[in-house]
Amino acid sequence: MSVAWVWRVTPKPQTLASESPRGAWGQILCCLIMHCRAYFLLEKDFLELKENNYPGIAAFPVSEDLLEWEAEIEGLQNTIWHGLPFQLTINFTPEYNFVPPTVKFRTIPFHPNVDLYTGRPCIDFLDNPDKWSTSYTLSSILLTLQVMLSNPVLENPVNLEAAQILIKNEHMYSLIVLRLFGQPVQLKDDNPELHKDPDKFIRSIKVVSFDDYYKTWSGIATSKPTDYYRTPCKMTCLILQSFHSY
C-alpha cells in the first residue's frame, strides 16, 4: 500500500489594513479629507462672521490650517459687561463640525459660568459632545458666549464666589466686575457712601492679569471647582434671539 503525501500550502495571513501600505494611505487620505472639510467649513464660518459684523464680537485665525483662533467679545448693551473686552482662544480639530471646539477665556471674567482656574465657559454643547449639533457655527458659538457673559445662569455655577456675591448683592457684584475689568461709571444706588468716594470701589483698569486676579479672589475663596466633574449650564444657541437685541 503506497502512501501519497500531499503538501498543503497555507496562505500567509493578510496583513492588517492598518499595517499595509494601502491601509496607511487610506488613513492618510481620510485625514486629509477631514482636514480639508474642516478648513472649508471654517473658511465659510469666517466669511459669515465678517459679513454679519456682530457688535462686540471679533475673531480671526492664528494658524494657516484655520484650526486655531483668537477672539474677543464684549457684553450686550444695557449690561455691566457692555464695553468690557474679553479675549478667548478657540481650538478646532480636523473633525469639525462633528465635534465642538475647545474654548477658553484668556481674560477670565469674574463670572458664575466661567471656571476661574481654566477659563472654560460653562456651555452645555461645548462640554458635552452629545449636545453638539453640526448646525452650530463659529458665529453661533461666539453669540452664545456673548449671551452667557451678559446673562449669568445661577444654576450649577462653576465660580461659586461670583454666584454668591451676585445673589446676595447684585450692585456689589457690578462694582467688583467694573473694578477688575472696566472704566469708572456711575451706577444707580441708594447708598450715599458709594457716591462720596467712588474711586474707593471702582478703579480704572484696562487689563487684569490672571496672577492679580487669582491673588484678589483666592484669599476669600471658600471652595474650588473639581477637576473631574463639571455640570454644564443650560445655555444653548436657541436663546440667542431672545437676548441678542442689536
Protein backbone atom coordinates (compact mmCIF):
# COMPACT_ATOMS: atom_id res chain seq x y z
CA MET A 1 0.00 0.00 0.00
CA SER A 2 1.51 3.23 -1.09
CA VAL A 3 1.00 6.47 0.75
CA ALA A 4 0.74 9.67 -1.18
CA TRP A 5 1.99 12.70 0.61
CA VAL A 6 0.05 15.86 -0.16
CA TRP A 7 1.68 19.09 0.77
CA ARG A 8 -0.84 21.78 1.54
CA VAL A 9 0.44 25.29 1.44
CA THR A 10 -1.39 27.53 3.86
CA PRO A 11 -1.57 31.04 2.51
CA LYS A 12 0.09 33.69 4.64
CA PRO A 13 -2.45 35.71 6.60
CA GLN A 14 -3.13 39.03 5.02
CA THR A 15 -1.55 41.98 6.65
CA LEU A 16 -3.94 44.10 8.63
CA ALA A 17 -5.30 47.03 6.70
CA SER A 18 -3.80 49.45 9.16
CA GLU A 19 -0.35 47.87 8.63
CA SER A 20 -0.48 47.53 4.86
CA PRO A 21 0.62 50.33 2.56
CA ARG A 22 -2.89 50.55 1.20
CA GLY A 23 -4.33 50.85 4.73
CA ALA A 24 -1.80 53.50 5.70
CA TRP A 25 -2.52 55.54 2.59
CA GLY A 26 -6.23 55.12 3.25
CA GLN A 27 -5.85 56.57 6.71
CA ILE A 28 -3.79 59.45 5.39
CA LEU A 29 -6.35 60.12 2.69
CA CYS A 30 -9.16 60.03 5.25
CA CYS A 31 -7.32 62.53 7.46
CA LEU A 32 -6.71 64.81 4.51
CA ILE A 33 -10.37 64.71 3.55
CA MET A 34 -11.44 65.52 7.12
CA HIS A 35 -8.87 68.29 7.37
CA CYS A 36 -9.97 69.81 4.08
CA ARG A 37 -13.59 69.59 5.15
CA ALA A 38 -12.88 71.40 8.42
CA TYR A 39 -10.82 74.01 6.56
CA PHE A 40 -13.61 74.84 4.12
CA LEU A 41 -16.24 74.90 6.86
CA LEU A 42 -14.17 77.29 8.98
CA GLU A 43 -13.45 79.42 5.94
CA LYS A 44 -17.21 79.64 5.38
CA ASP A 45 -17.78 80.43 9.07
CA PHE A 46 -15.20 83.21 8.92
CA LEU A 47 -16.90 84.74 5.89
CA GLU A 48 -20.27 84.59 7.65
CA LEU A 49 -18.82 86.27 10.73
CA LYS A 50 -17.30 89.10 8.70
CA GLU A 51 -20.44 89.66 6.65
CA ASN A 52 -22.70 89.93 9.71
CA ASN A 53 -20.27 92.14 11.65
CA TYR A 54 -21.87 91.40 15.01
CA PRO A 55 -21.40 94.23 17.55
CA GLY A 56 -18.94 93.36 20.29
CA ILE A 57 -17.64 90.23 18.55
CA ALA A 58 -14.39 89.70 16.65
CA ALA A 59 -12.41 86.60 15.73
CA PHE A 60 -9.55 85.67 13.44
CA PRO A 61 -7.47 82.54 12.72
CA VAL A 62 -3.91 82.35 14.04
CA SER A 63 -2.88 79.20 12.17
CA GLU A 64 -2.73 78.51 8.46
CA ASP A 65 -4.98 75.46 8.76
CA LEU A 66 -7.67 77.63 10.44
CA LEU A 67 -7.88 75.28 13.43
CA GLU A 68 -6.56 77.78 15.99
CA TRP A 69 -8.38 81.06 16.57
CA GLU A 70 -8.33 84.06 18.84
CA ALA A 71 -11.47 86.02 19.59
CA GLU A 72 -12.70 88.99 21.57
CA ILE A 73 -16.20 89.57 22.86
CA GLU A 74 -17.95 92.31 24.78
CA GLY A 75 -21.19 92.07 26.70
CA LEU A 76 -24.56 93.10 25.33
CA GLN A 77 -25.89 96.61 25.62
CA ASN A 78 -27.60 97.64 28.86
CA THR A 79 -25.49 95.20 30.89
CA ILE A 80 -22.43 95.80 33.06
CA TRP A 81 -20.41 93.76 30.57
CA HIS A 82 -21.02 96.12 27.67
CA GLY A 83 -17.78 97.73 26.54
CA LEU A 84 -15.60 95.30 28.50
CA PRO A 85 -13.43 93.27 26.09
CA PHE A 86 -12.55 89.67 26.91
CA GLN A 87 -10.04 87.65 24.89
CA LEU A 88 -10.59 83.97 24.10
CA THR A 89 -8.91 81.09 22.31
CA ILE A 90 -10.87 78.65 20.16
CA ASN A 91 -9.20 75.42 19.09
CA PHE A 92 -10.90 73.26 16.48
CA THR A 93 -9.96 69.74 15.41
CA PRO A 94 -9.96 68.21 11.92
CA GLU A 95 -13.25 66.52 12.94
CA TYR A 96 -15.10 69.87 12.96
CA ASN A 97 -18.07 70.24 12.67
CA PHE A 98 -18.83 66.79 14.05
CA VAL A 99 -17.31 67.71 17.42
CA PRO A 100 -17.20 71.02 19.32
CA PRO A 101 -14.07 73.13 19.65
CA THR A 102 -12.24 73.85 22.90
CA VAL A 103 -12.99 77.38 24.08
CA LYS A 104 -11.15 79.20 26.86
CA PHE A 105 -11.13 82.77 28.13
CA ARG A 106 -7.67 84.30 28.17
CA THR A 107 -9.06 87.24 30.11
CA ILE A 108 -11.01 85.31 32.73
CA PRO A 109 -14.11 87.20 33.89
CA PHE A 110 -15.38 87.03 37.46
CA HIS A 111 -18.48 85.21 36.34
CA PRO A 112 -20.62 82.36 37.72
CA ASN A 113 -20.41 80.45 34.43
CA VAL A 114 -16.66 80.73 33.76
CA ASP A 115 -14.17 78.49 35.54
CA LEU A 116 -11.76 80.68 37.50
CA TYR A 117 -8.84 78.30 37.04
CA THR A 118 -9.20 77.07 33.46
CA GLY A 119 -11.09 79.92 31.81
CA ARG A 120 -13.55 77.46 30.29
CA PRO A 121 -17.10 78.75 29.84
CA CYS A 122 -19.98 76.68 31.16
CA ILE A 123 -21.97 75.94 27.99
CA ASP A 124 -23.62 72.57 27.60
CA PHE A 125 -22.86 71.91 23.93
CA LEU A 126 -19.18 72.74 24.43
CA ASP A 127 -18.86 70.48 27.47
CA ASN A 128 -20.97 67.60 26.19
CA PRO A 129 -20.37 66.38 22.61
CA ASP A 130 -23.77 64.65 22.69
CA LYS A 131 -25.41 68.08 22.81
CA TRP A 132 -23.32 69.46 19.98
CA SER A 133 -25.01 69.97 16.62
CA THR A 134 -23.46 70.26 13.18
CA SER A 135 -25.69 73.29 12.65
CA TYR A 136 -23.57 75.30 15.10
CA THR A 137 -21.01 77.64 13.57
CA LEU A 138 -18.27 79.97 14.74
CA SER A 139 -20.81 82.79 14.84
CA SER A 140 -23.32 80.86 16.93
CA ILE A 141 -20.58 79.87 19.38
CA LEU A 142 -19.46 83.48 19.84
CA LEU A 143 -23.03 84.77 20.09
CA THR A 144 -23.78 82.19 22.77
CA LEU A 145 -20.67 83.23 24.69
CA GLN A 146 -21.79 86.86 24.48
CA VAL A 147 -25.24 85.97 25.82
CA MET A 148 -23.74 83.84 28.59
CA LEU A 149 -21.40 86.66 29.61
CA SER A 150 -24.23 89.19 29.74
CA ASN A 151 -26.82 86.95 31.42
CA PRO A 152 -25.24 84.75 34.13
CA VAL A 153 -27.01 81.49 34.93
CA LEU A 154 -27.02 80.87 38.67
CA GLU A 155 -27.94 77.19 38.44
CA ASN A 156 -24.89 74.92 38.89
CA PRO A 157 -22.27 77.71 38.80
CA VAL A 158 -18.60 76.81 38.36
CA ASN A 159 -17.45 80.00 40.12
CA LEU A 160 -19.27 79.77 43.44
CA GLU A 161 -17.89 83.02 44.84
CA ALA A 162 -19.14 85.04 41.87
CA ALA A 163 -22.56 83.40 42.11
CA GLN A 164 -22.85 84.00 45.85
CA ILE A 165 -21.96 87.68 45.57
CA LEU A 166 -24.33 88.16 42.64
CA ILE A 167 -27.18 86.54 44.58
CA LYS A 168 -26.57 88.46 47.82
CA ASN A 169 -25.66 91.87 46.40
CA GLU A 170 -26.03 92.47 42.68
CA HIS A 171 -24.76 96.03 42.96
CA MET A 172 -21.59 94.98 44.74
CA TYR A 173 -21.05 92.32 42.09
CA SER A 174 -21.29 95.03 39.42
CA LEU A 175 -18.75 97.15 41.29
CA ILE A 176 -16.34 94.22 41.51
CA VAL A 177 -16.61 93.48 37.78
CA LEU A 178 -16.05 97.11 36.85
CA ARG A 179 -13.17 97.45 39.29
CA LEU A 180 -11.41 94.45 37.78
CA PHE A 181 -12.10 95.00 34.11
CA GLY A 182 -13.82 98.30 33.41
CA GLN A 183 -13.82 102.06 33.45
CA PRO A 184 -15.30 104.23 36.22
CA VAL A 185 -19.03 104.62 35.70
CA GLN A 186 -21.93 105.98 37.74
CA LEU A 187 -24.21 103.19 38.89
CA LYS A 188 -27.68 103.67 40.28
CA ASP A 189 -27.65 103.04 44.00
CA ASP A 190 -29.31 104.29 47.14
CA ASN A 191 -26.14 104.08 49.23
CA PRO A 192 -24.72 107.63 49.57
CA GLU A 193 -21.37 106.31 50.81
CA LEU A 194 -20.63 104.87 47.39
CA HIS A 195 -21.08 108.25 45.71
CA LYS A 196 -18.87 110.16 48.16
CA ASP A 197 -15.77 108.26 47.16
CA PRO A 198 -16.45 106.15 44.05
CA ASP A 199 -12.73 105.61 43.42
CA LYS A 200 -12.65 103.63 46.63
CA PHE A 201 -14.79 101.00 44.96
CA ILE A 202 -14.09 101.40 41.25
CA ARG A 203 -10.66 101.73 39.70
CA SER A 204 -9.92 102.16 36.03
CA ILE A 205 -8.08 99.00 34.96
CA LYS A 206 -7.85 98.15 31.28
CA VAL A 207 -6.29 94.69 31.61
CA VAL A 208 -6.01 92.43 34.62
CA SER A 209 -3.54 89.57 34.63
CA PHE A 210 -4.53 86.12 35.86
CA ASP A 211 -1.98 86.35 38.68
CA ASP A 212 -3.53 89.56 40.01
CA TYR A 213 -6.99 88.15 39.52
CA TYR A 214 -6.09 84.94 41.36
CA LYS A 215 -4.50 86.82 44.27
CA THR A 216 -7.59 89.00 44.60
CA TRP A 217 -10.02 86.14 45.00
CA SER A 218 -8.02 83.20 46.33
CA GLY A 219 -7.99 84.81 49.75
CA ILE A 220 -11.78 84.80 50.03
CA ALA A 221 -12.40 81.54 48.19
CA THR A 222 -14.39 79.06 50.23
CA SER A 223 -14.47 76.29 47.65
CA LYS A 224 -12.79 75.18 44.46
CA PRO A 225 -14.32 73.60 41.36
CA THR A 226 -13.48 69.96 40.93
CA ASP A 227 -11.21 68.96 38.06
CA TYR A 228 -13.14 65.75 37.49
CA TYR A 229 -16.73 66.86 37.16
CA ARG A 230 -18.31 69.97 35.81
CA THR A 231 -22.07 70.34 35.48
CA PRO A 232 -22.66 72.24 32.25
CA CYS A 233 -25.07 75.14 32.39
CA LYS A 234 -28.07 75.06 30.11
CA MET A 235 -27.07 77.77 27.66
CA THR A 236 -27.62 76.92 24.02
CA CYS A 237 -27.89 78.76 20.75
CA LEU A 238 -31.67 78.57 21.00
CA ILE A 239 -31.72 81.58 23.34
CA LEU A 240 -29.75 83.87 21.08
CA GLN A 241 -32.73 85.56 19.51
CA SER A 242 -34.26 86.20 22.93
CA PHE A 243 -31.31 88.12 24.30
CA HIS A 244 -29.45 89.50 21.29
CA SER A 245 -31.23 92.80 20.67
CA TYR A 246 -28.98 94.77 18.38
